[in-house]
N, C-alpha and C. Protein backbone atom coordinates (compact mmCIF):
# COMPACT_ATOMS: atom_id res chain seq x y z
N UNK A 1 286.37 47.14 263.27
CA UNK A 1 286.97 47.44 264.52
C UNK A 1 285.89 47.96 265.46
N UNK A 2 285.95 47.50 266.69
CA UNK A 2 284.98 47.87 267.70
C UNK A 2 285.72 48.55 268.86
N UNK A 3 285.18 49.65 269.33
CA UNK A 3 285.73 50.31 270.50
C UNK A 3 285.19 49.61 271.74
N UNK A 4 286.09 49.24 272.62
CA UNK A 4 285.68 48.56 273.85
C UNK A 4 285.01 49.55 274.80
N UNK A 5 283.98 49.11 275.47
CA UNK A 5 283.31 49.93 276.47
C UNK A 5 284.10 49.89 277.77
N UNK A 6 283.77 50.77 278.67
CA UNK A 6 284.50 50.86 279.92
C UNK A 6 284.49 49.53 280.69
N UNK A 7 283.37 48.82 280.65
CA UNK A 7 283.28 47.56 281.39
C UNK A 7 284.08 46.45 280.73
N UNK A 8 284.50 46.62 279.47
CA UNK A 8 285.28 45.61 278.75
C UNK A 8 286.77 45.90 278.73
N UNK A 9 287.21 46.96 279.39
CA UNK A 9 288.62 47.32 279.36
C UNK A 9 289.44 46.39 280.25
N UNK A 10 289.55 45.14 279.86
CA UNK A 10 290.32 44.18 280.62
C UNK A 10 291.50 43.65 279.85
N UNK A 11 291.33 43.33 278.56
CA UNK A 11 292.42 42.71 277.82
C UNK A 11 293.55 43.71 277.52
N UNK A 12 294.71 43.15 277.29
CA UNK A 12 295.87 43.96 276.94
C UNK A 12 296.04 44.00 275.43
N UNK A 13 296.78 45.00 274.96
CA UNK A 13 297.05 45.16 273.53
C UNK A 13 297.82 43.95 273.01
N UNK A 14 297.42 43.43 271.86
CA UNK A 14 298.08 42.27 271.26
C UNK A 14 299.39 42.65 270.58
N UNK A 15 299.63 43.93 270.35
CA UNK A 15 300.81 44.38 269.62
C UNK A 15 301.90 44.92 270.54
N UNK A 16 301.58 45.31 271.75
CA UNK A 16 302.55 45.81 272.72
C UNK A 16 303.21 44.63 273.44
N UNK A 17 304.32 44.89 274.14
CA UNK A 17 304.89 43.81 274.96
C UNK A 17 303.85 43.30 275.96
N UNK A 18 303.95 42.05 276.36
CA UNK A 18 302.92 41.43 277.21
C UNK A 18 302.60 42.23 278.48
N UNK A 19 301.32 42.42 278.69
CA UNK A 19 300.77 43.05 279.89
C UNK A 19 301.36 44.42 280.19
N UNK A 20 301.42 45.29 279.18
CA UNK A 20 301.93 46.64 279.42
C UNK A 20 300.86 47.70 279.16
N UNK A 21 300.02 47.53 278.13
CA UNK A 21 299.06 48.56 277.76
C UNK A 21 297.68 47.94 277.60
N UNK A 22 296.68 48.58 278.19
CA UNK A 22 295.31 48.09 278.05
C UNK A 22 294.78 48.37 276.66
N UNK A 23 293.96 47.48 276.16
CA UNK A 23 293.38 47.61 274.82
C UNK A 23 292.19 48.56 274.85
N UNK A 24 291.99 49.23 273.72
CA UNK A 24 290.86 50.13 273.55
C UNK A 24 289.97 49.63 272.41
N UNK A 25 290.55 48.87 271.49
CA UNK A 25 289.84 48.38 270.31
C UNK A 25 289.98 46.87 270.20
N UNK A 26 289.02 46.24 269.50
CA UNK A 26 289.09 44.82 269.19
C UNK A 26 288.62 44.60 267.76
N UNK A 27 288.93 43.43 267.20
CA UNK A 27 288.49 43.14 265.84
C UNK A 27 287.00 42.82 265.82
N UNK A 28 286.38 42.96 264.66
CA UNK A 28 284.92 42.87 264.56
C UNK A 28 284.37 41.47 264.74
N UNK A 29 285.02 40.47 264.20
CA UNK A 29 284.40 39.15 264.11
C UNK A 29 284.81 38.21 265.24
N UNK A 30 286.08 38.01 265.42
CA UNK A 30 286.51 36.99 266.38
C UNK A 30 286.73 37.53 267.78
N UNK A 31 286.96 38.81 267.94
CA UNK A 31 287.25 39.44 269.22
C UNK A 31 288.45 38.77 269.90
N UNK A 32 289.45 38.41 269.09
CA UNK A 32 290.63 37.76 269.65
C UNK A 32 291.87 38.63 269.57
N UNK A 33 291.82 39.71 268.78
CA UNK A 33 292.94 40.61 268.65
C UNK A 33 292.53 41.96 269.24
N UNK A 34 293.40 42.50 270.07
CA UNK A 34 293.10 43.76 270.75
C UNK A 34 294.19 44.77 270.43
N UNK A 35 293.85 46.06 270.48
CA UNK A 35 294.82 47.10 270.18
C UNK A 35 294.62 48.31 271.08
N UNK A 36 295.74 48.96 271.40
CA UNK A 36 295.69 50.22 272.13
C UNK A 36 295.56 51.35 271.11
N UNK A 37 295.53 52.57 271.58
CA UNK A 37 295.37 53.71 270.68
C UNK A 37 296.55 53.81 269.70
N UNK A 38 297.76 53.47 270.15
CA UNK A 38 298.95 53.56 269.30
C UNK A 38 298.96 52.52 268.18
N UNK A 39 298.32 51.38 268.39
CA UNK A 39 298.34 50.29 267.42
C UNK A 39 297.02 50.13 266.67
N UNK A 40 296.24 51.17 266.62
CA UNK A 40 294.94 51.14 265.94
C UNK A 40 295.11 50.79 264.45
N UNK A 41 296.09 51.38 263.80
CA UNK A 41 296.34 51.11 262.38
C UNK A 41 296.77 49.67 262.13
N UNK A 42 297.53 49.09 263.06
CA UNK A 42 297.93 47.69 262.94
C UNK A 42 296.73 46.76 262.99
N UNK A 43 295.77 47.09 263.84
CA UNK A 43 294.54 46.29 263.93
C UNK A 43 293.73 46.40 262.64
N UNK A 44 293.66 47.59 262.08
CA UNK A 44 292.94 47.78 260.81
C UNK A 44 293.59 46.97 259.70
N UNK A 45 294.91 46.96 259.63
CA UNK A 45 295.63 46.17 258.62
C UNK A 45 295.36 44.67 258.79
N UNK A 46 295.39 44.21 260.03
CA UNK A 46 295.14 42.79 260.29
C UNK A 46 293.72 42.39 259.94
N UNK A 47 292.74 43.26 260.23
CA UNK A 47 291.35 42.98 259.87
C UNK A 47 291.19 42.89 258.36
N UNK A 48 291.82 43.80 257.62
CA UNK A 48 291.69 43.76 256.16
C UNK A 48 292.36 42.52 255.59
N UNK A 49 293.48 42.10 256.18
CA UNK A 49 294.15 40.88 255.72
C UNK A 49 293.27 39.66 256.00
N UNK A 50 292.65 39.61 257.17
CA UNK A 50 291.76 38.51 257.52
C UNK A 50 290.54 38.49 256.61
N UNK A 51 289.97 39.65 256.35
CA UNK A 51 288.80 39.75 255.47
C UNK A 51 289.15 39.26 254.06
N UNK A 52 290.32 39.62 253.57
CA UNK A 52 290.75 39.20 252.24
C UNK A 52 290.93 37.67 252.19
N UNK A 53 291.50 37.10 253.24
CA UNK A 53 291.71 35.66 253.30
C UNK A 53 290.38 34.91 253.33
N UNK A 54 289.40 35.44 254.05
CA UNK A 54 288.11 34.77 254.16
C UNK A 54 287.28 34.90 252.90
N UNK A 55 287.57 35.88 252.04
CA UNK A 55 286.80 36.08 250.82
C UNK A 55 287.15 35.06 249.73
N UNK A 56 288.35 34.56 249.74
CA UNK A 56 288.74 33.66 248.66
C UNK A 56 288.10 32.28 248.85
N UNK A 57 287.89 31.61 247.75
CA UNK A 57 287.28 30.28 247.79
C UNK A 57 288.37 29.22 247.82
N UNK A 58 288.22 28.23 248.69
CA UNK A 58 289.13 27.11 248.70
C UNK A 58 288.73 26.16 247.56
N UNK A 59 289.52 25.15 247.32
CA UNK A 59 289.20 24.18 246.29
C UNK A 59 287.88 23.48 246.59
N UNK A 60 287.66 23.15 247.86
CA UNK A 60 286.40 22.49 248.24
C UNK A 60 285.21 23.43 248.02
N UNK A 61 285.38 24.72 248.33
CA UNK A 61 284.30 25.69 248.08
C UNK A 61 284.01 25.78 246.59
N UNK A 62 285.06 25.81 245.77
CA UNK A 62 284.86 25.92 244.33
C UNK A 62 284.13 24.69 243.79
N UNK A 63 284.53 23.51 244.27
CA UNK A 63 283.87 22.29 243.77
C UNK A 63 282.43 22.21 244.24
N UNK A 64 282.13 22.75 245.40
CA UNK A 64 280.79 22.70 245.93
C UNK A 64 279.88 23.75 245.31
N UNK A 65 280.34 25.02 245.30
CA UNK A 65 279.48 26.13 244.87
C UNK A 65 279.90 26.77 243.56
N UNK A 66 281.19 26.81 243.30
CA UNK A 66 281.68 27.55 242.14
C UNK A 66 281.54 26.81 240.83
N UNK A 67 281.58 25.50 240.82
CA UNK A 67 281.54 24.74 239.58
C UNK A 67 280.16 24.79 238.93
N UNK A 68 279.13 25.00 239.70
CA UNK A 68 277.78 25.01 239.13
C UNK A 68 277.46 26.34 238.45
N UNK A 69 278.30 27.34 238.63
CA UNK A 69 278.04 28.65 238.03
C UNK A 69 278.28 28.66 236.55
């Protein structure tokens, strides 16, 4: 999670109703999900879910890299 700087305070929170609360935080990698102070924990949960999904190997990954192990 990254804290947005003052010059980046443009996007709205992804968890609040549309265009109601400005975001203070964003996700680390894609910078596509934003959160206000109230939804900070929701952003942390979403980042951990995304990180877990990206860690697993697909069948193509296994056939390419995992089978030679």
